[in-house]
C-alpha atoms as a PDB file:
ATOM      1  CA  MET A   1       0.000   0.000   0.000  1.00  0.00           C
ATOM      2  CA  GLU A   2       2.789   2.444   0.939  1.00  0.00           C
ATOM      3  CA  LYS A   3       4.575   1.860  -2.389  1.00  0.00           C
ATOM      4  CA  LYS A   4       1.358   2.487  -4.281  1.00  0.00           C
ATOM      5  CA  LEU A   5       0.770   5.774  -2.420  1.00  0.00           C
ATOM      6  CA  HIS A   6       4.356   6.845  -3.061  1.00  0.00           C
ATOM      7  CA  ALA A   7       3.728   6.606  -6.809  1.00  0.00           C
ATOM      8  CA  GLU A   8       0.538   8.686  -6.701  1.00  0.00           C
ATOM      9  CA  SER A   9       0.514  12.298  -7.875  1.00  0.00           C
ATOM     10  CA  ASN A  10       0.002  15.087  -5.348  1.00  0.00           C
ATOM     11  CA  ALA A  11      -3.525  15.664  -6.635  1.00  0.00           C
ATOM     12  CA  SER A  12      -4.372  11.955  -6.349  1.00  0.00           C
ATOM     13  CA  LEU A  13      -3.092  11.766  -2.780  1.00  0.00           C
ATOM     14  CA  LEU A  14      -5.137  14.788  -1.712  1.00  0.00           C
ATOM     15  CA  ALA A  15      -8.189  13.513  -3.576  1.00  0.00           C
ATOM     16  CA  THR A  16      -7.904  10.226  -1.665  1.00  0.00           C
ATOM     17  CA  LEU A  17      -7.508  12.054   1.638  1.00  0.00           C
ATOM     18  CA  LEU A  18     -10.486  14.358   0.988  1.00  0.00           C
ATOM     19  CA  ASP A  19     -12.655  11.781  -0.775  1.00  0.00           C
ATOM     20  CA  ILE A  20     -13.170  13.949  -3.865  1.00  0.00           C
ATOM     21  CA  PRO A  21     -12.418  13.305  -7.560  1.00  0.00           C
ATOM     22  CA  ALA A  22      -8.787  14.009  -8.498  1.00  0.00           C
ATOM     23  CA  GLN A  23      -9.913  16.116 -11.469  1.00  0.00           C
ATOM     24  CA  ASN A  24     -11.307  18.676  -8.995  1.00  0.00           C
ATOM     25  CA  LEU A  25      -7.690  19.455  -8.135  1.00  0.00           C
ATOM     26  CA  SER A  26      -6.585  21.305 -11.241  1.00  0.00           C
ATOM     27  CA  CYS A  27      -3.159  22.110  -9.835  1.00  0.00           C
ATOM     28  CA  ASP A  28      -0.664  19.444  -8.806  1.00  0.00           C
ATOM     29  CA  LYS A  29       1.378  21.859  -6.689  1.00  0.00           C
ATOM     30  CA  LEU A  30       0.658  21.040  -3.037  1.00  0.00           C
ATOM     31  CA  SER A  31       1.368  24.529  -1.731  1.00  0.00           C
ATOM     32  CA  ALA A  32      -1.180  26.055  -4.133  1.00  0.00           C
ATOM     33  CA  ILE A  33      -3.826  23.511  -3.163  1.00  0.00           C
ATOM     34  CA  LEU A  34      -3.175  23.920   0.564  1.00  0.00           C
ATOM     35  CA  SER A  35      -3.226  27.722   0.336  1.00  0.00           C
ATOM     36  CA  ALA A  36      -6.776  27.978  -1.012  1.00  0.00           C
ATOM     37  CA  PRO A  37      -8.681  24.754  -0.285  1.00  0.00           C
ATOM     38  CA  LEU A  38     -12.136  26.381  -0.285  1.00  0.00           C
ATOM     39  CA  SER A  39     -11.708  27.250  -3.960  1.00  0.00           C
ATOM     40  CA  ILE A  40     -11.648  23.531  -4.820  1.00  0.00           C
ATOM     41  CA  ARG A  41     -14.964  22.045  -5.902  1.00  0.00           C
ATOM     42  CA  GLY A  42     -16.100  19.508  -3.312  1.00  0.00           C
ATOM     43  CA  VAL A  43     -14.078  20.996  -0.459  1.00  0.00           C
ATOM     44  CA  GLY A  44     -16.162  22.614   2.239  1.00  0.00           C
ATOM     45  CA  VAL A  45     -15.230  24.071   5.587  1.00  0.00           C
ATOM     46  CA  LYS A  46     -14.724  20.669   7.281  1.00  0.00           C
ATOM     47  CA  LYS A  47     -12.440  19.314   4.562  1.00  0.00           C
ATOM     48  CA  ALA A  48     -10.550  22.607   4.422  1.00  0.00           C
ATOM     49  CA  ALA A  49     -10.034  22.367   8.191  1.00  0.00           C
ATOM     50  CA  LYS A  50      -8.617  18.861   7.666  1.00  0.00           C
ATOM     51  CA  LEU A  51      -6.195  20.223   5.082  1.00  0.00           C
ATOM     52  CA  TYR A  52      -5.063  23.034   7.371  1.00  0.00           C
ATOM     53  CA  ALA A  53      -4.575  20.505  10.185  1.00  0.00           C
ATOM     54  CA  LEU A  54      -2.580  18.255   7.844  1.00  0.00           C
ATOM     55  CA  LYS A  55      -0.395  21.180   6.802  1.00  0.00           C
ATOM     56  CA  GLU A  56       0.297  22.018  10.459  1.00  0.00           C
ATOM     57  CA  VAL A  57       1.074  18.374  11.317  1.00  0.00           C
ATOM     58  CA  VAL A  58       3.589  18.196   8.456  1.00  0.00           C
ATOM     59  CA  ARG A  59       5.183  21.482   9.539  1.00  0.00           C
ATOM     60  CA  ARG A  60       5.537  20.221  13.107  1.00  0.00           C
ATOM     61  CA  ILE A  61       7.001  16.908  11.966  1.00  0.00           C
ATOM     62  CA  MET A  62       9.582  18.781   9.910  1.00  0.00           C
ATOM     63  CA  GLU A  63      10.386  21.007  12.878  1.00  0.00           C
ATOM     64  CA  GLU A  64      10.900  18.170  15.355  1.00  0.00           C
ATOM     65  CA  GLU A  65      12.349  15.545  13.044  1.00  0.00           C
ATOM     66  CA  PRO A  66      16.056  15.103  13.594  1.00  0.00           C
ATOM     67  CA  ARG A  67      17.753  16.514  10.544  1.00  0.00           C
ATOM     68  CA  ASP A  68      21.379  16.998   9.811  1.00  0.00           C
ATOM     69  CA  SER A  69      22.568  19.704  12.146  1.00  0.00           C
ATOM     70  CA  PRO A  70      24.568  21.882   9.824  1.00  0.00           C
ATOM     71  CA  ILE A  71      27.322  24.209  10.835  1.00  0.00           C
ATOM     72  CA  ILE A  72      26.181  27.749  10.091  1.00  0.00           C
ATOM     73  CA  VAL A  73      28.841  29.783   8.336  1.00  0.00           C
ATOM     74  CA  PHE A  74      26.836  31.980   5.967  1.00  0.00           C
ATOM     75  CA  PRO A  75      23.287  33.398   5.920  1.00  0.00           C
ATOM     76  CA  ALA A  76      22.615  31.090   2.954  1.00  0.00           C
ATOM     77  CA  ASP A  77      23.147  28.129   5.312  1.00  0.00           C
ATOM     78  CA  VAL A  78      20.341  29.463   7.515  1.00  0.00           C
ATOM     79  CA  ALA A  79      18.059  30.035   4.517  1.00  0.00           C
ATOM     80  CA  LYS A  80      18.712  26.534   3.185  1.00  0.00           C
ATOM     81  CA  TYR A  81      17.878  24.975   6.555  1.00  0.00           C
ATOM     82  CA  PHE A  82      14.714  26.980   7.305  1.00  0.00           C
ATOM     83  CA  ALA A  83      13.205  27.490   3.834  1.00  0.00           C
ATOM     84  CA  PRO A  84      11.511  24.053   3.762  1.00  0.00           C
ATOM     85  CA  LEU A  85       9.805  24.898   7.061  1.00  0.00           C
ATOM     86  CA  LEU A  86       8.680  28.434   6.283  1.00  0.00           C
ATOM     87  CA  ILE A  87       8.624  29.236   2.579  1.00  0.00           C
ATOM     88  CA  HIS A  88       5.000  28.198   1.936  1.00  0.00           C
ATOM     89  CA  GLU A  89       3.487  29.627   5.110  1.00  0.00           C
ATOM     90  CA  SER A  90       0.762  32.255   4.719  1.00  0.00           C
ATOM     91  CA  LYS A  91       1.523  33.785   8.140  1.00  0.00           C
ATOM     92  CA  GLU A  92       4.745  35.118   9.611  1.00  0.00           C
ATOM     93  CA  TYR A  93       6.600  32.569  11.720  1.00  0.00           C
ATOM     94  CA  PHE A  94       9.369  33.795  14.012  1.00  0.00           C
ATOM     95  CA  MET A  95      11.876  31.086  14.899  1.00  0.00           C
ATOM     96  CA  ILE A  96      15.270  30.818  16.502  1.00  0.00           C
ATOM     97  CA  ALA A  97      18.181  28.485  15.885  1.00  0.00           C
ATOM     98  CA  MET A  98      20.261  27.730  18.944  1.00  0.00           C
ATOM     99  CA  LEU A  99      23.906  27.110  18.128  1.00  0.00           C
ATOM    100  CA  SER A 100      26.800  25.306  19.756  1.00  0.00           C
ATOM    101  CA  SER A 101      30.169  27.006  20.126  1.00  0.00           C
ATOM    102  CA  ALA A 102      31.078  25.358  16.797  1.00  0.00           C
ATOM    103  CA  ARG A 103      28.032  27.106  15.222  1.00  0.00           C
ATOM    104  CA  GLN A 104      26.167  23.848  14.762  1.00  0.00           C
ATOM    105  CA  ILE A 105      22.372  23.981  15.132  1.00  0.00           C
ATOM    106  CA  ILE A 106      21.505  22.102  18.317  1.00  0.00           C
ATOM    107  CA  ALA A 107      17.818  23.064  18.423  1.00  0.00           C
ATOM    108  CA  THR A 108      15.214  25.253  16.752  1.00  0.00           C
ATOM    109  CA  SER A 109      12.040  26.701  18.173  1.00  0.00           C
ATOM    110  CA  THR A 110       9.007  28.591  16.910  1.00  0.00           C
ATOM    111  CA  ILE A 111       8.662  31.664  19.108  1.00  0.00           C
ATOM    112  CA  SER A 112       5.532  33.168  17.581  1.00  0.00           C
ATOM    113  CA  ILE A 113       3.112  32.914  14.695  1.00  0.00           C
ATOM    114  CA  GLY A 114       1.682  36.184  13.479  1.00  0.00           C
ATOM    115  CA  SER A 115      -0.472  37.482  10.679  1.00  0.00           C
ATOM    116  CA  LEU A 116       0.151  37.889   6.972  1.00  0.00           C
ATOM    117  CA  SER A 117       2.453  40.841   7.576  1.00  0.00           C
ATOM    118  CA  ALA A 118       3.601  40.862  11.204  1.00  0.00           C
ATOM    119  CA  THR A 119       4.416  38.819  14.266  1.00  0.00           C
ATOM    120  CA  THR A 120       4.921  39.875  17.865  1.00  0.00           C
ATOM    121  CA  VAL A 121       8.174  38.880  19.551  1.00  0.00           C
ATOM    122  CA  HIS A 122       9.272  39.604  23.111  1.00  0.00           C
ATOM    123  CA  PRO A 123      12.840  39.109  24.363  1.00  0.00           C
ATOM    124  CA  ARG A 124      11.675  37.047  27.356  1.00  0.00           C
ATOM    125  CA  GLU A 125      10.055  34.455  25.049  1.00  0.00           C
ATOM    126  CA  VAL A 126      13.159  34.203  22.887  1.00  0.00           C
ATOM    127  CA  PHE A 127      15.647  33.901  25.723  1.00  0.00           C
ATOM    128  CA  MET A 128      13.496  31.666  27.940  1.00  0.00           C
ATOM    129  CA  GLU A 129      13.703  29.150  25.122  1.00  0.00           C
ATOM    130  CA  THR A 130      17.507  29.395  25.008  1.00  0.00           C
ATOM    131  CA  LEU A 131      17.723  28.377  28.675  1.00  0.00           C
ATOM    132  CA  ARG A 132      16.463  24.897  27.758  1.00  0.00           C
ATOM    133  CA  TYR A 133      19.540  24.215  25.632  1.00  0.00           C
ATOM    134  CA  PRO A 134      23.266  24.716  26.233  1.00  0.00           C
ATOM    135  CA  CYS A 135      23.634  27.160  23.358  1.00  0.00           C
ATOM    136  CA  SER A 136      26.388  29.694  22.930  1.00  0.00           C
ATOM    137  CA  ALA A 137      24.607  31.887  20.353  1.00  0.00           C
ATOM    138  CA  ILE A 138      21.334  32.205  18.463  1.00  0.00           C
ATOM    139  CA  ILE A 139      20.144  33.151  15.008  1.00  0.00           C
ATOM    140  CA  LEU A 140      16.739  34.754  14.517  1.00  0.00           C
ATOM    141  CA  VAL A 141      14.720  33.635  11.503  1.00  0.00           C
ATOM    142  CA  HIS A 142      11.356  34.646  10.163  1.00  0.00           C
ATOM    143  CA  ASN A 143       9.481  34.562   6.894  1.00  0.00           C
ATOM    144  CA  HIS A 144       7.730  37.264   4.903  1.00  0.00           C
ATOM    145  CA  PRO A 145       4.690  35.641   3.254  1.00  0.00           C
ATOM    146  CA  SER A 146       4.625  38.531   0.757  1.00  0.00           C
ATOM    147  CA  GLY A 147       7.779  37.033  -0.756  1.00  0.00           C
ATOM    148  CA  ASP A 148       9.834  40.208  -0.268  1.00  0.00           C
ATOM    149  CA  PRO A 149      12.521  39.664   2.411  1.00  0.00           C
ATOM    150  CA  THR A 150      13.284  43.379   2.821  1.00  0.00           C
ATOM    151  CA  PRO A 151      13.276  44.143   6.575  1.00  0.00           C
ATOM    152  CA  SER A 152      10.516  46.392   7.890  1.00  0.00           C
ATOM    153  CA  LYS A 153      11.102  49.109  10.496  1.00  0.00           C
ATOM    154  CA  ASN A 154       9.613  46.716  13.055  1.00  0.00           C
ATOM    155  CA  ASP A 155      12.020  43.938  11.957  1.00  0.00           C
ATOM    156  CA  ILE A 156      14.953  46.295  12.508  1.00  0.00           C
ATOM    157  CA  SER A 157      13.623  47.451  15.892  1.00  0.00           C
ATOM    158  CA  VAL A 158      12.989  43.884  17.124  1.00  0.00           C
ATOM    159  CA  THR A 159      16.442  42.823  15.942  1.00  0.00           C
ATOM    160  CA  ARG A 160      18.128  45.656  17.830  1.00  0.00           C
ATOM    161  CA  GLN A 161      16.116  44.887  20.967  1.00  0.00           C
ATOM    162  CA  LEU A 162      16.998  41.180  20.839  1.00  0.00           C
ATOM    163  CA  VAL A 163      20.684  41.876  20.128  1.00  0.00           C
ATOM    164  CA  LYS A 164      20.759  44.163  23.181  1.00  0.00           C
ATOM    165  CA  SER A 165      19.028  41.530  25.351  1.00  0.00           C
ATOM    166  CA  GLY A 166      21.413  38.855  24.103  1.00  0.00           C
ATOM    167  CA  LYS A 167      24.424  40.944  25.113  1.00  0.00           C
ATOM    168  CA  ILE A 168      23.047  41.321  28.643  1.00  0.00           C
ATOM    169  CA  LEU A 169      22.451  37.554  28.926  1.00  0.00           C
ATOM    170  CA  ASP A 170      25.745  36.643  27.202  1.00  0.00           C
ATOM    171  CA  ILE A 171      23.856  34.802  24.451  1.00  0.00           C
ATOM    172  CA  PRO A 172      24.818  36.687  21.294  1.00  0.00           C
ATOM    173  CA  VAL A 173      22.395  37.101  18.409  1.00  0.00           C
ATOM    174  CA  ILE A 174      24.697  36.526  15.452  1.00  0.00           C
ATOM    175  CA  ASP A 175      22.180  37.150  12.655  1.00  0.00           C
ATOM    176  CA  HIS A 176      18.534  37.637  11.785  1.00  0.00           C
ATOM    177  CA  VAL A 177      17.637  36.040   8.468  1.00  0.00           C
ATOM    178  CA  ILE A 178      14.380  36.970   6.746  1.00  0.00           C
ATOM    179  CA  LEU A 179      13.075  34.498   4.187  1.00  0.00           C
ATOM    180  CA  GLY A 180      11.113  35.577   1.138  1.00  0.00           C
ATOM    181  CA  GLN A 181      10.117  33.708  -1.982  1.00  0.00           C
ATOM    182  CA  LYS A 182      13.392  32.323  -3.421  1.00  0.00           C
ATOM    183  CA  ARG A 183      15.337  35.141  -1.694  1.00  0.00           C
ATOM    184  CA  PHE A 184      16.511  35.972   1.780  1.00  0.00           C
ATOM    185  CA  CYS A 185      17.960  38.913   3.660  1.00  0.00           C
ATOM    186  CA  SER A 186      20.605  38.922   6.405  1.00  0.00           C
ATOM    187  CA  MET A 187      20.382  41.700   8.982  1.00  0.00           C
ATOM    188  CA  LYS A 188      24.075  41.148   9.744  1.00  0.00           C
ATOM    189  CA  MET A 189      25.025  41.595   6.079  1.00  0.00           C
ATOM    190  CA  LEU A 190      22.935  44.783   6.007  1.00  0.00           C
ATOM    191  CA  GLY A 191      24.867  46.123   9.010  1.00  0.00           C
ATOM    192  CA  TYR A 192      22.073  46.001  11.612  1.00  0.00           C
ATOM    193  CA  ILE A 193      24.031  43.484  13.709  1.00  0.00           C
ATOM    194  CA  LYS A 194      27.662  44.281  14.497  1.00  0.00           C
END
């Protein structure tokens, strides 16, 4: 059974899950289907809720699943690691990567989930999470669902506030990477983190 499902198209798998004809799913791109399930013929509120729950379950599995813990040297390393988790989200997710002294990711955590264009982040929430792990530094990461990774005034303000808090707690914030659609932005490279 598992082999048979592995060979199915994305549309066929979702059609099986939702108990609707596969031809109702005109697009085979999962992210497009999961972004607007109510526009699919045969999908009502209950089935759309199932799809949203499925999307969240998959996101959580990806977040907790042990993956290779890369050594972070460049902002592109951060983008490569977090893009699969965040790139298709329709809301802003603010996450942190906790690093060893060798700059290897030892843990990640979702700090907050916001709206389409903003998320609220408080230093206490960020640094309380770092106390659970023996990390020597952190990297801030969040997505811009608009696709444009250009930092907002609020992004810059939050970054400065968290950098300042990190200095007090001796847990340096070494970068804040903002993910857009196929692009990313490093606050360190832009000079906002010294």
